[in-house]
Amino acid sequence: MRGWGFREALKYPLLWPLYGLCIADLSWLTFSATRTLLFNPDVTLDHNNNPEPWQAYREGRYRLWAGNYDYSKLKCKAPIFKDNDVIPVENGGD
């Protein structure tokens, strides 16, 4: 019975590119998932010490490219959620 081991894979050189692409894809998937988990502000792992992580980016901006626009003068128009109550925000920076 043939196995799925490394020695069996070396017997078929035509499949080496397939194995290489599979290894490259799995490596890229691992890198991408780890990067998203560690550096994306939408993902939080510590809900006990930070129960409302979205409030940290209320005034900050998370963007790929800002262009020439000055985001420091822009106010957030989103309502403030605290203890299941909604506190509306007046004059959202218009």
PDB file of N, CA and C in Angstrom:
ATOM      1  N   MET A   1       0.836  -1.184   0.000  1.00  0.00           N
ATOM      2  CA  MET A   1       0.000   0.000   0.000  1.00  0.00           C
ATOM      3  C   MET A   1       0.877   1.242   0.000  1.00  0.00           C
ATOM      4  N   ARG A   2       0.545   2.196  -0.847  1.00  0.00           N
ATOM      5  CA  ARG A   2       1.328   3.426  -0.949  1.00  0.00           C
ATOM      6  C   ARG A   2       0.967   4.382   0.178  1.00  0.00           C
ATOM      7  N   GLY A   3       1.973   5.090   0.628  1.00  0.00           N
ATOM      8  CA  GLY A   3       1.747   6.047   1.706  1.00  0.00           C
ATOM      9  C   GLY A   3       1.702   7.475   1.190  1.00  0.00           C
ATOM     10  N   TRP A   4       1.456   8.372   2.098  1.00  0.00           N
ATOM     11  CA  TRP A   4       1.375   9.795   1.763  1.00  0.00           C
ATOM     12  C   TRP A   4       2.591  10.545   2.288  1.00  0.00           C
ATOM     13  N   GLY A   5       3.668   9.859   2.555  1.00  0.00           N
ATOM     14  CA  GLY A   5       4.836  10.455   3.170  1.00  0.00           C
ATOM     15  C   GLY A   5       5.724  11.201   2.185  1.00  0.00           C
ATOM     16  N   PHE A   6       6.798  11.731   2.715  1.00  0.00           N
ATOM     17  CA  PHE A   6       7.742  12.531   1.945  1.00  0.00           C
ATOM     18  C   PHE A   6       8.488  11.666   0.930  1.00  0.00           C
ATOM     19  N   ARG A   7       8.843  10.469   1.320  1.00  0.00           N
ATOM     20  CA  ARG A   7       9.587   9.590   0.405  1.00  0.00           C
ATOM     21  C   ARG A   7       8.734   9.185  -0.798  1.00  0.00           C
ATOM     22  N   GLU A   8       7.452   9.001  -0.557  1.00  0.00           N
ATOM     23  CA  GLU A   8       6.560   8.623  -1.659  1.00  0.00           C
ATOM     24  C   GLU A   8       6.388   9.807  -2.616  1.00  0.00           C
ATOM     25  N   ALA A   9       6.370  11.019  -2.089  1.00  0.00           N
ATOM     26  CA  ALA A   9       6.223  12.207  -2.929  1.00  0.00           C
ATOM     27  C   ALA A   9       7.458  12.428  -3.800  1.00  0.00           C
ATOM     28  N   LEU A  10       8.627  12.039  -3.338  1.00  0.00           N
ATOM     29  CA  LEU A  10       9.848  12.217  -4.114  1.00  0.00           C
ATOM     30  C   LEU A  10       9.916  11.292  -5.332  1.00  0.00           C
ATOM     31  N   LYS A  11       9.107  10.250  -5.343  1.00  0.00           N
ATOM     32  CA  LYS A  11       9.124   9.312  -6.463  1.00  0.00           C
ATOM     33  C   LYS A  11       8.423   9.863  -7.699  1.00  0.00           C
ATOM     34  N   TYR A  12       7.615  10.923  -7.543  1.00  0.00           N
ATOM     35  CA  TYR A  12       6.846  11.473  -8.663  1.00  0.00           C
ATOM     36  C   TYR A  12       7.224  12.940  -8.881  1.00  0.00           C
ATOM     37  N   PRO A  13       8.263  13.205  -9.672  1.00  0.00           N
ATOM     38  CA  PRO A  13       8.735  14.587  -9.835  1.00  0.00           C
ATOM     39  C   PRO A  13       7.729  15.497 -10.539  1.00  0.00           C
ATOM     40  N   LEU A  14       6.771  14.934 -11.278  1.00  0.00           N
ATOM     41  CA  LEU A  14       5.782  15.790 -11.937  1.00  0.00           C
ATOM     42  C   LEU A  14       4.822  16.434 -10.939  1.00  0.00           C
ATOM     43  N   LEU A  15       4.733  15.891  -9.754  1.00  0.00           N
ATOM     44  CA  LEU A  15       3.851  16.456  -8.735  1.00  0.00           C
ATOM     45  C   LEU A  15       4.551  17.467  -7.834  1.00  0.00           C
ATOM     46  N   TRP A  16       5.843  17.650  -7.979  1.00  0.00           N
ATOM     47  CA  TRP A  16       6.574  18.585  -7.127  1.00  0.00           C
ATOM     48  C   TRP A  16       6.048  20.016  -7.219  1.00  0.00           C
ATOM     49  N   PRO A  17       5.712  20.543  -8.424  1.00  0.00           N
ATOM     50  CA  PRO A  17       5.145  21.897  -8.457  1.00  0.00           C
ATOM     51  C   PRO A  17       3.819  22.001  -7.698  1.00  0.00           C
ATOM     52  N   LEU A  18       3.016  20.948  -7.762  1.00  0.00           N
ATOM     53  CA  LEU A  18       1.751  20.947  -7.027  1.00  0.00           C
ATOM     54  C   LEU A  18       2.003  21.003  -5.523  1.00  0.00           C
ATOM     55  N   TYR A  19       2.947  20.216  -5.049  1.00  0.00           N
ATOM     56  CA  TYR A  19       3.291  20.237  -3.632  1.00  0.00           C
ATOM     57  C   TYR A  19       3.857  21.597  -3.228  1.00  0.00           C
ATOM     58  N   GLY A  20       4.679  22.158  -4.091  1.00  0.00           N
ATOM     59  CA  GLY A  20       5.248  23.480  -3.799  1.00  0.00           C
ATOM     60  C   GLY A  20       4.177  24.556  -3.712  1.00  0.00           C
ATOM     61  N   LEU A  21       3.207  24.533  -4.630  1.00  0.00           N
ATOM     62  CA  LEU A  21       2.123  25.518  -4.577  1.00  0.00           C
ATOM     63  C   LEU A  21       1.252  25.326  -3.345  1.00  0.00           C
ATOM     64  N   CYS A  22       0.998  24.085  -2.971  1.00  0.00           N
ATOM     65  CA  CYS A  22       0.211  23.835  -1.762  1.00  0.00           C
ATOM     66  C   CYS A  22       0.933  24.346  -0.518  1.00  0.00           C
ATOM     67  N   ILE A  23       2.223  24.131  -0.449  1.00  0.00           N
ATOM     68  CA  ILE A  23       3.004  24.624   0.695  1.00  0.00           C
ATOM     69  C   ILE A  23       3.028  26.141   0.706  1.00  0.00           C
ATOM     70  N   ALA A  24       3.195  26.768  -0.466  1.00  0.00           N
ATOM     71  CA  ALA A  24       3.199  28.236  -0.542  1.00  0.00           C
ATOM     72  C   ALA A  24       1.836  28.814  -0.148  1.00  0.00           C
ATOM     73  N   ASP A  25       0.754  28.190  -0.589  1.00  0.00           N
ATOM     74  CA  ASP A  25      -0.581  28.663  -0.232  1.00  0.00           C
ATOM     75  C   ASP A  25      -0.843  28.542   1.263  1.00  0.00           C
ATOM     76  N   LEU A  26      -0.457  27.438   1.843  1.00  0.00           N
ATOM     77  CA  LEU A  26      -0.654  27.268   3.284  1.00  0.00           C
ATOM     78  C   LEU A  26       0.207  28.245   4.085  1.00  0.00           C
ATOM     79  N   SER A  27       1.404  28.526   3.593  1.00  0.00           N
ATOM     80  CA  SER A  27       2.266  29.513   4.268  1.00  0.00           C
ATOM     81  C   SER A  27       1.646  30.905   4.196  1.00  0.00           C
ATOM     82  N   TRP A  28       1.131  31.278   3.016  1.00  0.00           N
ATOM     83  CA  TRP A  28       0.497  32.587   2.863  1.00  0.00           C
ATOM     84  C   TRP A  28      -0.772  32.689   3.719  1.00  0.00           C
ATOM     85  N   LEU A  29      -1.543  31.629   3.791  1.00  0.00           N
ATOM     86  CA  LEU A  29      -2.736  31.619   4.620  1.00  0.00           C
ATOM     87  C   LEU A  29      -2.392  31.809   6.091  1.00  0.00           C
ATOM     88  N   THR A  30      -1.364  31.127   6.556  1.00  0.00           N
ATOM     89  CA  THR A  30      -0.937  31.260   7.946  1.00  0.00           C
ATOM     90  C   THR A  30      -0.451  32.667   8.226  1.00  0.00           C
ATOM     91  N   PHE A  31       0.352  33.233   7.335  1.00  0.00           N
ATOM     92  CA  PHE A  31       0.847  34.599   7.511  1.00  0.00           C
ATOM     93  C   PHE A  31      -0.301  35.603   7.520  1.00  0.00           C
ATOM     94  N   SER A  32      -1.227  35.476   6.595  1.00  0.00           N
ATOM     95  CA  SER A  32      -2.331  36.419   6.483  1.00  0.00           C
ATOM     96  C   SER A  32      -3.255  36.348   7.697  1.00  0.00           C
ATOM     97  N   ALA A  33      -3.578  35.160   8.142  1.00  0.00           N
ATOM     98  CA  ALA A  33      -4.446  35.013   9.309  1.00  0.00           C
ATOM     99  C   ALA A  33      -3.772  35.541  10.569  1.00  0.00           C
ATOM    100  N   THR A  34      -2.478  35.296  10.722  1.00  0.00           N
ATOM    101  CA  THR A  34      -1.754  35.798  11.887  1.00  0.00           C
ATOM    102  C   THR A  34      -1.667  37.315  11.865  1.00  0.00           C
ATOM    103  N   ARG A  35      -1.396  37.898  10.710  1.00  0.00           N
ATOM    104  CA  ARG A  35      -1.321  39.348  10.589  1.00  0.00           C
ATOM    105  C   ARG A  35      -2.670  39.993  10.911  1.00  0.00           C
ATOM    106  N   THR A  36      -3.754  39.424  10.410  1.00  0.00           N
ATOM    107  CA  THR A  36      -5.082  39.946  10.698  1.00  0.00           C
ATOM    108  C   THR A  36      -5.410  39.823  12.175  1.00  0.00           C
ATOM    109  N   LEU A  37      -5.061  38.719  12.769  1.00  0.00           N
ATOM    110  CA  LEU A  37      -5.347  38.493  14.176  1.00  0.00           C
ATOM    111  C   LEU A  37      -4.592  39.456  15.077  1.00  0.00           C
ATOM    112  N   LEU A  38      -3.354  39.769  14.733  1.00  0.00           N
ATOM    113  CA  LEU A  38      -2.526  40.590  15.614  1.00  0.00           C
ATOM    114  C   LEU A  38      -2.640  42.091  15.364  1.00  0.00           C
ATOM    115  N   PHE A  39      -2.874  42.514  14.129  1.00  0.00           N
ATOM    116  CA  PHE A  39      -2.762  43.931  13.813  1.00  0.00           C
ATOM    117  C   PHE A  39      -4.056  44.595  13.347  1.00  0.00           C
ATOM    118  N   ASN A  40      -5.118  43.858  13.127  1.00  0.00           N
ATOM    119  CA  ASN A  40      -6.364  44.458  12.670  1.00  0.00           C
ATOM    120  C   ASN A  40      -7.165  44.949  13.873  1.00  0.00           C
ATOM    121  N   PRO A  41      -7.613  46.203  13.871  1.00  0.00           N
ATOM    122  CA  PRO A  41      -8.360  46.707  15.032  1.00  0.00           C
ATOM    123  C   PRO A  41      -9.762  46.105  15.147  1.00  0.00           C
ATOM    124  N   ASP A  42     -10.259  45.447  14.122  1.00  0.00           N
ATOM    125  CA  ASP A  42     -11.577  44.828  14.202  1.00  0.00           C
ATOM    126  C   ASP A  42     -11.558  43.513  14.977  1.00  0.00           C
ATOM    127  N   VAL A  43     -10.381  42.979  15.235  1.00  0.00           N
ATOM    128  CA  VAL A  43     -10.259  41.705  15.935  1.00  0.00           C
ATOM    129  C   VAL A  43      -9.739  41.969  17.340  1.00  0.00           C
ATOM    130  N   THR A  44     -10.429  41.440  18.329  1.00  0.00           N
ATOM    131  CA  THR A  44      -9.975  41.582  19.709  1.00  0.00           C
ATOM    132  C   THR A  44      -9.950  40.211  20.372  1.00  0.00           C
ATOM    133  N   LEU A  45      -8.950  39.985  21.184  1.00  0.00           N
ATOM    134  CA  LEU A  45      -8.808  38.716  21.872  1.00  0.00           C
ATOM    135  C   LEU A  45      -9.066  38.840  23.367  1.00  0.00           C
ATOM    136  N   ASP A  46      -9.043  40.069  23.893  1.00  0.00           N
ATOM    137  CA  ASP A  46      -9.155  40.297  25.324  1.00  0.00           C
ATOM    138  C   ASP A  46     -10.450  41.065  25.611  1.00  0.00           C
ATOM    139  N   HIS A  47     -11.542  40.338  25.808  1.00  0.00           N
ATOM    140  CA  HIS A  47     -12.824  40.982  26.078  1.00  0.00           C
ATOM    141  C   HIS A  47     -12.983  41.348  27.549  1.00  0.00           C
ATOM    142  N   ASN A  48     -12.185  40.771  28.438  1.00  0.00           N
ATOM    143  CA  ASN A  48     -12.321  41.066  29.864  1.00  0.00           C
ATOM    144  C   ASN A  48     -11.771  42.446  30.208  1.00  0.00           C
ATOM    145  N   ASN A  49     -10.597  42.785  29.706  1.00  0.00           N
ATOM    146  CA  ASN A  49      -9.990  44.076  30.009  1.00  0.00           C
ATOM    147  C   ASN A  49     -10.434  45.182  29.063  1.00  0.00           C
ATOM    148  N   ASN A  50     -11.022  44.816  27.925  1.00  0.00           N
ATOM    149  CA  ASN A  50     -11.448  45.799  26.939  1.00  0.00           C
ATOM    150  C   ASN A  50     -12.818  45.370  26.392  1.00  0.00           C
ATOM    151  N   PRO A  51     -13.912  45.629  27.154  1.00  0.00           N
ATOM    152  CA  PRO A  51     -15.215  45.123  26.726  1.00  0.00           C
ATOM    153  C   PRO A  51     -15.785  45.834  25.504  1.00  0.00           C
ATOM    154  N   GLU A  52     -15.354  47.050  25.225  1.00  0.00           N
ATOM    155  CA  GLU A  52     -15.841  47.800  24.069  1.00  0.00           C
ATOM    156  C   GLU A  52     -14.663  48.282  23.227  1.00  0.00           C
ATOM    157  N   PRO A  53     -14.034  47.395  22.459  1.00  0.00           N
ATOM    158  CA  PRO A  53     -12.812  47.764  21.736  1.00  0.00           C
ATOM    159  C   PRO A  53     -13.044  48.746  20.597  1.00  0.00           C
ATOM    160  N   TRP A  54     -14.260  48.846  20.089  1.00  0.00           N
ATOM    161  CA  TRP A  54     -14.535  49.741  18.972  1.00  0.00           C
ATOM    162  C   TRP A  54     -14.463  51.204  19.387  1.00  0.00           C
ATOM    163  N   GLN A  55     -14.563  51.488  20.694  1.00  0.00           N
ATOM    164  CA  GLN A  55     -14.501  52.874  21.155  1.00  0.00           C
ATOM    165  C   GLN A  55     -13.085  53.443  21.035  1.00  0.00           C
ATOM    166  N   ALA A  56     -12.090  52.589  20.967  1.00  0.00           N
ATOM    167  CA  ALA A  56     -10.715  53.063  20.820  1.00  0.00           C
ATOM    168  C   ALA A  56     -10.493  53.730  19.471  1.00  0.00           C
ATOM    169  N   TYR A  57     -11.273  53.352  18.469  1.00  0.00           N
ATOM    170  CA  TYR A  57     -11.119  53.929  17.132  1.00  0.00           C
ATOM    171  C   TYR A  57     -12.237  54.914  16.803  1.00  0.00           C
ATOM    172  N   ARG A  58     -12.855  55.454  17.842  1.00  0.00           N
ATOM    173  CA  ARG A  58     -13.926  56.410  17.630  1.00  0.00           C
ATOM    174  C   ARG A  58     -13.399  57.679  16.970  1.00  0.00           C
ATOM    175  N   GLU A  59     -12.338  58.238  17.499  1.00  0.00           N
ATOM    176  CA  GLU A  59     -11.751  59.454  16.930  1.00  0.00           C
ATOM    177  C   GLU A  59     -10.562  59.149  16.026  1.00  0.00           C
ATOM    178  N   GLY A  60      -9.974  57.984  16.156  1.00  0.00           N
ATOM    179  CA  GLY A  60      -8.840  57.613  15.306  1.00  0.00           C
ATOM    180  C   GLY A  60      -9.319  57.141  13.947  1.00  0.00           C
ATOM    181  N   ARG A  61      -8.412  57.018  13.034  1.00  0.00           N
ATOM    182  CA  ARG A  61      -8.742  56.580  11.689  1.00  0.00           C
ATOM    183  C   ARG A  61      -7.895  55.364  11.326  1.00  0.00           C
ATOM    184  N   TYR A  62      -8.548  54.387  10.776  1.00  0.00           N
ATOM    185  CA  TYR A  62      -7.873  53.196  10.290  1.00  0.00           C
ATOM    186  C   TYR A  62      -8.102  53.151   8.789  1.00  0.00           C
ATOM    187  N   ARG A  63      -7.091  53.484   8.031  1.00  0.00           N
ATOM    188  CA  ARG A  63      -7.252  53.593   6.587  1.00  0.00           C
ATOM    189  C   ARG A  63      -5.983  53.141   5.880  1.00  0.00           C
ATOM    190  N   LEU A  64      -6.135  52.789   4.652  1.00  0.00           N
ATOM    191  CA  LEU A  64      -4.995  52.367   3.848  1.00  0.00           C
ATOM    192  C   LEU A  64      -4.244  53.572   3.305  1.00  0.00           C
ATOM    193  N   TRP A  65      -4.981  54.563   2.820  1.00  0.00           N
ATOM    194  CA  TRP A  65      -4.359  55.742   2.246  1.00  0.00           C
ATOM    195  C   TRP A  65      -5.252  56.939   2.510  1.00  0.00           C
ATOM    196  N   ALA A  66      -4.698  58.014   3.023  1.00  0.00           N
ATOM    197  CA  ALA A  66      -5.507  59.156   3.419  1.00  0.00           C
ATOM    198  C   ALA A  66      -5.577  60.214   2.338  1.00  0.00           C
ATOM    199  N   GLY A  67      -4.645  60.233   1.429  1.00  0.00           N
ATOM    200  CA  GLY A  67      -4.637  61.293   0.434  1.00  0.00           C
ATOM    201  C   GLY A  67      -4.219  62.605   1.072  1.00  0.00           C
ATOM    202  N   ASN A  68      -4.820  63.702   0.638  1.00  0.00           N
ATOM    203  CA  ASN A  68      -4.488  65.018   1.175  1.00  0.00           C
ATOM    204  C   ASN A  68      -5.514  65.516   2.179  1.00  0.00           C
ATOM    205  N   TYR A  69      -6.456  64.676   2.593  1.00  0.00           N
ATOM    206  CA  TYR A  69      -7.521  65.094   3.498  1.00  0.00           C
ATOM    207  C   TYR A  69      -7.030  65.090   4.938  1.00  0.00           C
ATOM    208  N   ASP A  70      -7.374  66.133   5.688  1.00  0.00           N
ATOM    209  CA  ASP A  70      -6.969  66.243   7.092  1.00  0.00           C
ATOM    210  C   ASP A  70      -8.059  65.629   7.965  1.00  0.00           C
ATOM    211  N   TYR A  71      -7.800  64.455   8.518  1.00  0.00           N
ATOM    212  CA  TYR A  71      -8.785  63.762   9.333  1.00  0.00           C
ATOM    213  C   TYR A  71      -8.804  64.243  10.778  1.00  0.00           C
ATOM    214  N   SER A  72      -7.870  65.083  11.181  1.00  0.00           N
ATOM    215  CA  SER A  72      -7.855  65.528  12.573  1.00  0.00           C
ATOM    216  C   SER A  72      -9.012  66.467  12.889  1.00  0.00           C
ATOM    217  N   LYS A  73      -9.580  67.137  11.900  1.00  0.00           N
ATOM    218  CA  LYS A  73     -10.688  68.064  12.126  1.00  0.00           C
ATOM    219  C   LYS A  73     -12.049  67.393  11.994  1.00  0.00           C
ATOM    220  N   LEU A  74     -12.091  66.158  11.550  1.00  0.00           N
ATOM    221  CA  LEU A  74     -13.340  65.455  11.329  1.00  0.00           C
ATOM    222  C   LEU A  74     -13.814  64.811  12.629  1.00  0.00           C
ATOM    223  N   LYS A  75     -15.074  65.047  12.995  1.00  0.00           N
ATOM    224  CA  LYS A  75     -15.656  64.449  14.196  1.00  0.00           C
ATOM    225  C   LYS A  75     -16.452  63.209  13.809  1.00  0.00           C
ATOM    226  N   CYS A  76     -16.483  62.251  14.687  1.00  0.00           N
ATOM    227  CA  CYS A  76     -17.203  61.016  14.439  1.00  0.00           C
ATOM    228  C   CYS A  76     -18.705  61.248  14.631  1.00  0.00           C
ATOM    229  N   LYS A  77     -19.525  60.773  13.689  1.00  0.00           N
ATOM    230  CA  LYS A  77     -20.970  60.946  13.752  1.00  0.00           C
ATOM    231  C   LYS A  77     -21.683  59.749  14.377  1.00  0.00           C
ATOM    232  N   ALA A  78     -20.964  58.736  14.730  1.00  0.00           N
ATOM    233  CA  ALA A  78     -21.580  57.525  15.268  1.00  0.00           C
ATOM    234  C   ALA A  78     -22.054  57.763  16.697  1.00  0.00           C
ATOM    235  N   PRO A  79     -23.171  57.147  17.081  1.00  0.00           N
ATOM    236  CA  PRO A  79     -23.642  57.293  18.464  1.00  0.00           C
ATOM    237  C   PRO A  79     -22.751  56.522  19.424  1.00  0.00           C
ATOM    238  N   ILE A  80     -22.788  56.924  20.670  1.00  0.00           N
ATOM    239  CA  ILE A  80     -22.005  56.272  21.711  1.00  0.00           C
ATOM    240  C   ILE A  80     -22.878  55.208  22.363  1.00  0.00           C
ATOM    241  N   PHE A  81     -22.427  53.967  22.374  1.00  0.00           N
ATOM    242  CA  PHE A  81     -23.159  52.875  22.999  1.00  0.00           C
ATOM    243  C   PHE A  81     -22.531  52.582  24.348  1.00  0.00           C
ATOM    244  N   LYS A  82     -23.325  52.691  25.401  1.00  0.00           N
ATOM    245  CA  LYS A  82     -22.815  52.440  26.743  1.00  0.00           C
ATOM    246  C   LYS A  82     -23.921  51.776  27.549  1.00  0.00           C
ATOM    247  N   ASP A  83     -23.678  50.610  28.075  1.00  0.00           N
ATOM    248  CA  ASP A  83     -24.629  49.879  28.918  1.00  0.00           C
ATOM    249  C   ASP A  83     -25.989  49.709  28.245  1.00  0.00           C
ATOM    250  N   ASN A  84     -25.999  49.312  26.994  1.00  0.00           N
ATOM    251  CA  ASN A  84     -27.198  49.056  26.200  1.00  0.00           C
ATOM    252  C   ASN A  84     -28.054  50.302  25.985  1.00  0.00           C
ATOM    253  N   ASP A  85     -27.529  51.478  26.223  1.00  0.00           N
ATOM    254  CA  ASP A  85     -28.209  52.734  25.934  1.00  0.00           C
ATOM    255  C   ASP A  85     -27.481  53.415  24.788  1.00  0.00           C
ATOM    256  N   VAL A  86     -28.214  54.184  24.004  1.00  0.00           N
ATOM    257  CA  VAL A  86     -27.620  54.936  22.903  1.00  0.00           C
ATOM    258  C   VAL A  86     -27.624  56.394  23.265  1.00  0.00           C
ATOM    259  N   ILE A  87     -26.453  57.009  23.255  1.00  0.00           N
ATOM    260  CA  ILE A  87     -26.321  58.428  23.515  1.00  0.00           C
ATOM    261  C   ILE A  87     -26.049  59.102  22.176  1.00  0.00           C
ATOM    262  N   PRO A  88     -27.011  59.852  21.619  1.00  0.00           N
ATOM    263  CA  PRO A  88     -26.781  60.465  20.319  1.00  0.00           C
ATOM    264  C   PRO A  88     -25.712  61.546  20.389  1.00  0.00           C
ATOM    265  N   VAL A  89     -25.010  61.722  19.313  1.00  0.00           N
ATOM    266  CA  VAL A  89     -23.959  62.721  19.222  1.00  0.00           C
ATOM    267  C   VAL A  89     -24.479  63.899  18.441  1.00  0.00           C
ATOM    268  N   GLU A  90     -24.445  65.085  19.032  1.00  0.00           N
ATOM    269  CA  GLU A  90     -24.915  66.293  18.370  1.00  0.00           C
ATOM    270  C   GLU A  90     -23.761  66.927  17.608  1.00  0.00           C
ATOM    271  N   ASN A  91     -24.058  67.591  16.509  1.00  0.00           N
ATOM    272  CA  ASN A  91     -23.062  68.313  15.703  1.00  0.00           C
ATOM    273  C   ASN A  91     -21.869  67.426  15.397  1.00  0.00           C
ATOM    274  N   GLY A  92     -22.094  66.488  14.515  1.00  0.00           N
ATOM    275  CA  GLY A  92     -21.083  65.493  14.204  1.00  0.00           C
ATOM    276  C   GLY A  92     -19.931  65.985  13.365  1.00  0.00           C
ATOM    277  N   GLY A  93     -19.708  67.271  13.280  1.00  0.00           N
ATOM    278  CA  GLY A  93     -18.544  67.771  12.557  1.00  0.00           C
ATOM    279  C   GLY A  93     -18.854  68.267  11.175  1.00  0.00           C
ATOM    280  N   ASP A  94     -20.113  68.549  10.909  1.00  0.00           N
ATOM    281  CA  ASP A  94     -20.485  69.057   9.578  1.00  0.00           C
ATOM    282  C   ASP A  94     -20.102  70.500   9.419  1.00  0.00           C
TER     283      ASP A  94
END
